[in-house]
Each structure stands twice: as C-alpha cells, then as structure tokens.
C-alpha cells in the first residue's frame, strides 16, 4: 500500500488500494491496477521487440561467420589445388631430368641414379 495523489481531484495521501477517494469518490485502486496492467503490457511488447532485434542480429552474425568460413575453405581448397599442381609439375620435371640425365649418362648425386 502506498499513499498517492488522487488522479481525479488531486487530493494528497490517498491509498492506492482505496475503493474510492474520500473527496471525489474516484476508484483509485482500479485506476492503479489499469496503470499497472498497461505498464506490464508495454514492457512485454518492448521485450518482444528487443528479443526479435537480438535474434535478427544473431542471424546476421551467423550468416557473416558462415560466409567467412566458406570463403576460407574455398581459399584453402584453391591453395591445395595449386600446391598439388606445383608438386605434380615438379615431379614431372624431375622425371624428365632423370630420363635426360640417364640418356646423357650423367649420374644424379641427390637420388643415386
């Protein structure tokens, strides 16, 4: 219980649970119950909006993280492909060098052929 000002006539020190204001007869309790319900409803709506905004931000962040991860995976795949081509080309060059060296009769000190 709190002592409040009557919203109708302005009398000071009226109980917020009073059925009627002693001066004007205004139902103070019903008034403050309505105010309380309106405040609770407004808070619920604000929380709902904030929750939706948070979910939207989280989804956006997840989408950005996913795109970033996919980009890194793609870069790694490209690096592996390039690395594989380099090794493949390097191996072919070594085979050609070995064949050429054997035709010319030159011994390879690194591989013992």
N, C-alpha and C. Protein backbone atom coordinates (compact mmCIF):
# COMPACT_ATOMS: atom_id res chain seq x y z
N UNK A 1 0.84 -1.17 0.00
CA UNK A 1 0.00 0.00 0.00
C UNK A 1 0.89 1.24 0.00
N UNK A 2 0.53 2.19 -0.86
CA UNK A 2 1.26 3.45 -0.95
C UNK A 2 0.26 4.59 -0.89
N UNK A 3 0.72 5.71 -0.37
CA UNK A 3 -0.11 6.90 -0.35
C UNK A 3 0.22 7.72 -1.59
N UNK A 4 -0.81 7.98 -2.40
CA UNK A 4 -0.62 8.65 -3.68
C UNK A 4 -1.54 9.85 -3.79
N UNK A 5 -1.37 10.57 -4.87
CA UNK A 5 -2.24 11.69 -5.18
C UNK A 5 -3.40 11.16 -6.01
N UNK A 6 -4.61 11.54 -5.70
CA UNK A 6 -5.78 11.08 -6.46
C UNK A 6 -5.66 11.60 -7.89
N UNK A 7 -5.75 10.70 -8.87
CA UNK A 7 -5.61 11.11 -10.26
C UNK A 7 -6.78 11.98 -10.74
N UNK A 8 -7.89 11.94 -10.05
CA UNK A 8 -9.08 12.69 -10.47
C UNK A 8 -9.11 14.10 -9.87
N UNK A 9 -9.01 14.20 -8.54
CA UNK A 9 -9.17 15.51 -7.88
C UNK A 9 -7.87 16.10 -7.35
N UNK A 10 -6.82 15.29 -7.26
CA UNK A 10 -5.53 15.77 -6.80
C UNK A 10 -5.32 15.74 -5.31
N UNK A 11 -6.23 15.15 -4.56
CA UNK A 11 -6.07 15.06 -3.10
C UNK A 11 -4.82 14.25 -2.79
N UNK A 12 -4.04 14.74 -1.85
CA UNK A 12 -2.81 14.08 -1.43
C UNK A 12 -3.12 12.97 -0.43
N UNK A 13 -2.23 12.02 -0.33
CA UNK A 13 -2.25 10.97 0.68
C UNK A 13 -3.51 10.10 0.64
N UNK A 14 -3.81 9.63 -0.57
CA UNK A 14 -4.91 8.67 -0.74
C UNK A 14 -4.26 7.31 -0.97
N UNK A 15 -4.77 6.29 -0.35
CA UNK A 15 -4.21 4.94 -0.52
C UNK A 15 -4.45 4.45 -1.95
N UNK A 16 -3.41 3.84 -2.52
CA UNK A 16 -3.56 3.32 -3.88
C UNK A 16 -4.45 2.08 -3.93
N UNK A 17 -4.86 1.56 -2.77
CA UNK A 17 -5.78 0.43 -2.73
C UNK A 17 -7.19 0.85 -2.32
N UNK A 18 -7.43 2.14 -2.23
CA UNK A 18 -8.75 2.64 -1.80
C UNK A 18 -9.78 2.41 -2.90
N UNK A 19 -10.95 1.94 -2.51
CA UNK A 19 -12.05 1.77 -3.47
C UNK A 19 -12.49 3.12 -4.00
N UNK A 20 -12.45 4.15 -3.14
CA UNK A 20 -12.90 5.47 -3.57
C UNK A 20 -12.09 6.54 -2.86
N UNK A 21 -11.83 7.64 -3.57
CA UNK A 21 -11.17 8.80 -2.98
C UNK A 21 -12.14 9.43 -1.97
N UNK A 22 -11.67 9.81 -0.77
CA UNK A 22 -12.57 10.41 0.23
C UNK A 22 -13.19 11.72 -0.23
N UNK A 23 -12.54 12.44 -1.16
CA UNK A 23 -13.09 13.72 -1.63
C UNK A 23 -14.04 13.54 -2.80
N UNK A 24 -13.58 12.84 -3.87
CA UNK A 24 -14.38 12.81 -5.11
C UNK A 24 -15.03 11.46 -5.38
N UNK A 25 -14.63 10.42 -4.69
CA UNK A 25 -15.24 9.11 -4.88
C UNK A 25 -14.63 8.31 -6.04
N UNK A 26 -13.56 8.81 -6.63
CA UNK A 26 -12.90 8.13 -7.75
C UNK A 26 -12.30 6.80 -7.28
N UNK A 27 -12.47 5.75 -8.08
CA UNK A 27 -11.94 4.43 -7.71
C UNK A 27 -10.42 4.40 -7.98
N UNK A 28 -9.66 4.71 -6.96
CA UNK A 28 -8.21 4.82 -7.07
C UNK A 28 -7.58 3.45 -7.35
N UNK A 29 -8.04 2.41 -6.69
CA UNK A 29 -7.48 1.07 -6.88
C UNK A 29 -7.61 0.63 -8.33
N UNK A 30 -8.78 0.77 -8.91
CA UNK A 30 -8.99 0.37 -10.31
C UNK A 30 -8.07 1.15 -11.24
N UNK A 31 -7.90 2.44 -10.95
CA UNK A 31 -7.02 3.27 -11.77
C UNK A 31 -5.59 2.72 -11.76
N UNK A 32 -5.06 2.47 -10.58
CA UNK A 32 -3.67 2.00 -10.48
C UNK A 32 -3.51 0.56 -10.97
N UNK A 33 -4.55 -0.25 -10.89
CA UNK A 33 -4.49 -1.59 -11.49
C UNK A 33 -4.39 -1.49 -13.01
N UNK A 34 -5.18 -0.56 -13.60
CA UNK A 34 -5.11 -0.34 -15.05
C UNK A 34 -3.73 0.14 -15.46
N UNK A 35 -3.20 1.10 -14.69
CA UNK A 35 -1.86 1.62 -14.99
C UNK A 35 -0.83 0.50 -14.91
N UNK A 36 -0.94 -0.33 -13.89
CA UNK A 36 0.00 -1.44 -13.73
C UNK A 36 -0.10 -2.41 -14.92
N UNK A 37 -1.32 -2.76 -15.33
CA UNK A 37 -1.52 -3.66 -16.47
C UNK A 37 -0.96 -3.06 -17.75
N UNK A 38 -1.21 -1.77 -17.96
CA UNK A 38 -0.70 -1.10 -19.16
C UNK A 38 0.83 -1.11 -19.18
N UNK A 39 1.43 -0.84 -18.02
CA UNK A 39 2.90 -0.86 -17.93
C UNK A 39 3.46 -2.25 -18.19
N UNK A 40 2.81 -3.28 -17.64
CA UNK A 40 3.26 -4.65 -17.88
C UNK A 40 3.15 -5.02 -19.35
N UNK A 41 2.02 -4.63 -19.98
CA UNK A 41 1.83 -4.92 -21.41
C UNK A 41 2.89 -4.19 -22.25
N UNK A 42 3.16 -2.93 -21.92
CA UNK A 42 4.16 -2.15 -22.66
C UNK A 42 5.54 -2.79 -22.51
N UNK A 43 5.87 -3.22 -21.29
CA UNK A 43 7.16 -3.88 -21.06
C UNK A 43 7.28 -5.18 -21.85
N UNK A 44 6.20 -5.96 -21.88
CA UNK A 44 6.21 -7.21 -22.65
C UNK A 44 6.43 -6.93 -24.13
N UNK A 45 5.77 -5.89 -24.65
CA UNK A 45 5.93 -5.53 -26.06
C UNK A 45 7.37 -5.09 -26.34
N UNK A 46 7.94 -4.27 -25.45
CA UNK A 46 9.31 -3.83 -25.63
C UNK A 46 10.28 -5.00 -25.58
N UNK A 47 10.05 -5.93 -24.65
CA UNK A 47 10.90 -7.11 -24.57
C UNK A 47 10.79 -7.95 -25.82
N UNK A 48 9.58 -8.06 -26.36
CA UNK A 48 9.37 -8.82 -27.59
C UNK A 48 10.13 -8.19 -28.76
N UNK A 49 10.06 -6.88 -28.85
CA UNK A 49 10.77 -6.17 -29.92
C UNK A 49 12.27 -6.35 -29.76
N UNK A 50 12.77 -6.18 -28.54
CA UNK A 50 14.20 -6.35 -28.29
C UNK A 50 14.66 -7.77 -28.59
N UNK A 51 13.84 -8.73 -28.22
CA UNK A 51 14.17 -10.12 -28.48
C UNK A 51 14.25 -10.38 -29.99
N UNK A 52 13.29 -9.85 -30.73
CA UNK A 52 13.30 -10.02 -32.19
C UNK A 52 14.53 -9.35 -32.80
N UNK A 53 14.90 -8.18 -32.29
CA UNK A 53 16.08 -7.49 -32.79
C UNK A 53 17.34 -8.30 -32.50
N UNK A 54 17.42 -8.86 -31.29
CA UNK A 54 18.58 -9.68 -30.93
C UNK A 54 18.67 -10.90 -31.84
N UNK A 55 17.54 -11.56 -32.08
CA UNK A 55 17.53 -12.74 -32.95
C UNK A 55 17.98 -12.36 -34.36
N UNK A 56 17.50 -11.22 -34.84
CA UNK A 56 17.88 -10.75 -36.17
C UNK A 56 19.39 -10.49 -36.24
N UNK A 57 19.93 -9.85 -35.21
CA UNK A 57 21.37 -9.58 -35.16
C UNK A 57 22.17 -10.87 -35.08
N UNK A 58 21.67 -11.83 -34.30
CA UNK A 58 22.36 -13.12 -34.19
C UNK A 58 22.36 -13.85 -35.52
N UNK A 59 21.22 -13.82 -36.23
CA UNK A 59 21.14 -14.46 -37.53
C UNK A 59 22.11 -13.80 -38.51
N UNK A 60 22.17 -12.48 -38.48
CA UNK A 60 23.07 -11.76 -39.37
C UNK A 60 24.52 -12.11 -39.07
N UNK A 61 24.86 -12.17 -37.77
CA UNK A 61 26.21 -12.53 -37.37
C UNK A 61 26.55 -13.95 -37.82
N UNK A 62 25.60 -14.87 -37.63
CA UNK A 62 25.84 -16.26 -38.06
C UNK A 62 26.03 -16.34 -39.57
N UNK A 63 25.23 -15.60 -40.32
CA UNK A 63 25.37 -15.59 -41.78
C UNK A 63 26.74 -15.06 -42.19
N UNK A 64 27.20 -13.99 -41.51
CA UNK A 64 28.51 -13.43 -41.83
C UNK A 64 29.62 -14.42 -41.48
N UNK A 65 29.50 -15.07 -40.32
CA UNK A 65 30.50 -16.06 -39.93
C UNK A 65 30.53 -17.22 -40.90
N UNK A 66 29.35 -17.68 -41.32
CA UNK A 66 29.27 -18.79 -42.27
C UNK A 66 29.91 -18.39 -43.60
N UNK A 67 29.61 -17.20 -44.08
CA UNK A 67 30.19 -16.73 -45.34
C UNK A 67 31.71 -16.64 -45.22
N UNK A 68 32.19 -16.15 -44.09
CA UNK A 68 33.62 -16.03 -43.87
C UNK A 68 34.28 -17.41 -43.85
N UNK A 69 33.66 -18.38 -43.15
CA UNK A 69 34.20 -19.74 -43.10
C UNK A 69 34.21 -20.37 -44.49
N UNK A 70 33.13 -20.18 -45.25
CA UNK A 70 33.06 -20.74 -46.59
C UNK A 70 34.15 -20.14 -47.48
N UNK A 71 34.40 -18.84 -47.31
CA UNK A 71 35.45 -18.18 -48.09
C UNK A 71 36.83 -18.75 -47.75
N UNK A 72 37.08 -18.95 -46.43
CA UNK A 72 38.37 -19.52 -46.02
C UNK A 72 38.53 -20.95 -46.54
N UNK A 73 37.45 -21.73 -46.51
CA UNK A 73 37.50 -23.10 -47.02
C UNK A 73 37.82 -23.08 -48.52
N UNK A 74 37.17 -22.20 -49.23
CA UNK A 74 37.42 -22.08 -50.66
C UNK A 74 38.87 -21.69 -50.94
N UNK A 75 39.38 -20.75 -50.15
CA UNK A 75 40.79 -20.34 -50.32
C UNK A 75 41.73 -21.50 -50.05
N UNK A 76 41.44 -22.28 -49.00
CA UNK A 76 42.29 -23.44 -48.69
C UNK A 76 42.23 -24.47 -49.81
N UNK A 77 41.04 -24.70 -50.35
CA UNK A 77 40.91 -25.65 -51.45
C UNK A 77 41.72 -25.18 -52.66
N UNK A 78 41.65 -23.89 -52.95
CA UNK A 78 42.42 -23.35 -54.08
C UNK A 78 43.92 -23.50 -53.83
N UNK A 79 44.34 -23.23 -52.57
CA UNK A 79 45.76 -23.38 -52.23
C UNK A 79 46.20 -24.84 -52.41
N UNK A 80 45.36 -25.77 -51.97
CA UNK A 80 45.70 -27.18 -52.11
C UNK A 80 45.79 -27.59 -53.58
N UNK A 81 44.87 -27.07 -54.37
CA UNK A 81 44.90 -27.39 -55.80
C UNK A 81 46.17 -26.84 -56.43
N UNK A 82 46.53 -25.60 -56.10
CA UNK A 82 47.74 -25.00 -56.62
C UNK A 82 48.97 -25.78 -56.16
N UNK A 83 48.96 -26.15 -54.88
CA UNK A 83 50.07 -26.91 -54.32
C UNK A 83 50.20 -28.25 -55.03
N UNK A 84 49.06 -28.89 -55.27
CA UNK A 84 49.06 -30.18 -55.97
C UNK A 84 49.58 -30.04 -57.39
N UNK A 85 49.18 -28.98 -58.08
CA UNK A 85 49.67 -28.76 -59.45
C UNK A 85 51.18 -28.53 -59.44
N UNK A 86 51.64 -27.75 -58.47
CA UNK A 86 53.07 -27.46 -58.37
C UNK A 86 53.85 -28.75 -58.14
N UNK A 87 53.38 -29.57 -57.19
CA UNK A 87 54.07 -30.82 -56.91
C UNK A 87 54.03 -31.74 -58.12
N UNK A 88 52.87 -31.77 -58.78
CA UNK A 88 52.74 -32.62 -59.96
C UNK A 88 53.69 -32.16 -61.05
N UNK A 89 53.73 -30.86 -61.30
CA UNK A 89 54.62 -30.33 -62.33
C UNK A 89 56.08 -30.53 -61.93
N UNK A 90 56.38 -30.33 -60.64
CA UNK A 90 57.74 -30.54 -60.16
C UNK A 90 58.17 -31.98 -60.34
N UNK A 91 57.28 -32.92 -60.06
CA UNK A 91 57.60 -34.34 -60.21
C UNK A 91 57.84 -34.67 -61.68
N UNK A 92 57.03 -34.11 -62.56
CA UNK A 92 57.21 -34.36 -64.00
C UNK A 92 58.55 -33.82 -64.47
N UNK A 93 58.92 -32.66 -63.95
CA UNK A 93 60.21 -32.08 -64.33
C UNK A 93 61.34 -32.98 -63.84
N UNK A 94 61.20 -33.47 -62.61
CA UNK A 94 62.25 -34.34 -62.09
C UNK A 94 62.35 -35.61 -62.91
N UNK A 95 61.22 -36.19 -63.30
CA UNK A 95 61.24 -37.40 -64.12
C UNK A 95 61.93 -37.12 -65.45
N UNK A 96 61.59 -35.99 -66.05
CA UNK A 96 62.20 -35.63 -67.33
C UNK A 96 63.70 -35.43 -67.17
N UNK A 97 64.10 -34.78 -66.06
CA UNK A 97 65.52 -34.55 -65.81
C UNK A 97 66.25 -35.89 -65.65
N UNK A 98 65.64 -36.81 -64.90
CA UNK A 98 66.26 -38.12 -64.67
C UNK A 98 66.40 -38.87 -66.00
N UNK A 99 65.36 -38.84 -66.82
CA UNK A 99 65.41 -39.53 -68.12
C UNK A 99 66.50 -38.91 -68.99
N UNK A 100 66.54 -37.57 -69.02
CA UNK A 100 67.53 -36.87 -69.81
C UNK A 100 68.94 -37.18 -69.31
N UNK A 101 69.10 -37.20 -67.98
CA UNK A 101 70.41 -37.48 -67.41
C UNK A 101 70.84 -38.92 -67.72
N UNK A 102 69.89 -39.83 -67.68
CA UNK A 102 70.26 -41.23 -67.96
C UNK A 102 70.63 -41.41 -69.43
N UNK A 103 69.95 -40.68 -70.33
CA UNK A 103 70.27 -40.76 -71.76
C UNK A 103 71.65 -40.20 -71.99
N UNK A 104 71.98 -39.12 -71.28
CA UNK A 104 73.28 -38.49 -71.44
C UNK A 104 74.36 -39.18 -70.65
N UNK A 105 73.96 -40.09 -69.75
CA UNK A 105 74.92 -40.83 -68.97
C UNK A 105 75.43 -40.06 -67.77
N UNK A 106 74.63 -39.13 -67.29
CA UNK A 106 75.04 -38.35 -66.12
C UNK A 106 74.38 -38.96 -64.91
N UNK A 107 75.17 -39.10 -63.81
CA UNK A 107 74.63 -39.65 -62.58
C UNK A 107 74.10 -38.52 -61.69
N UNK A 108 72.98 -38.79 -61.04
CA UNK A 108 72.37 -37.82 -60.12
C UNK A 108 72.92 -38.07 -58.73
N UNK A 109 73.56 -37.07 -58.18
CA UNK A 109 74.12 -37.23 -56.85
C UNK A 109 73.05 -37.25 -55.76
N UNK A 110 71.92 -36.55 -55.99
CA UNK A 110 70.86 -36.45 -54.97
C UNK A 110 70.07 -37.76 -54.84
N UNK A 111 69.77 -38.39 -55.98
CA UNK A 111 68.91 -39.58 -55.90
C UNK A 111 69.67 -40.88 -56.11
N UNK A 112 70.95 -40.80 -56.49
CA UNK A 112 71.76 -42.01 -56.65
C UNK A 112 71.58 -42.70 -57.99
N UNK A 113 70.85 -42.15 -58.90
CA UNK A 113 70.66 -42.75 -60.23
C UNK A 113 71.69 -42.27 -61.20
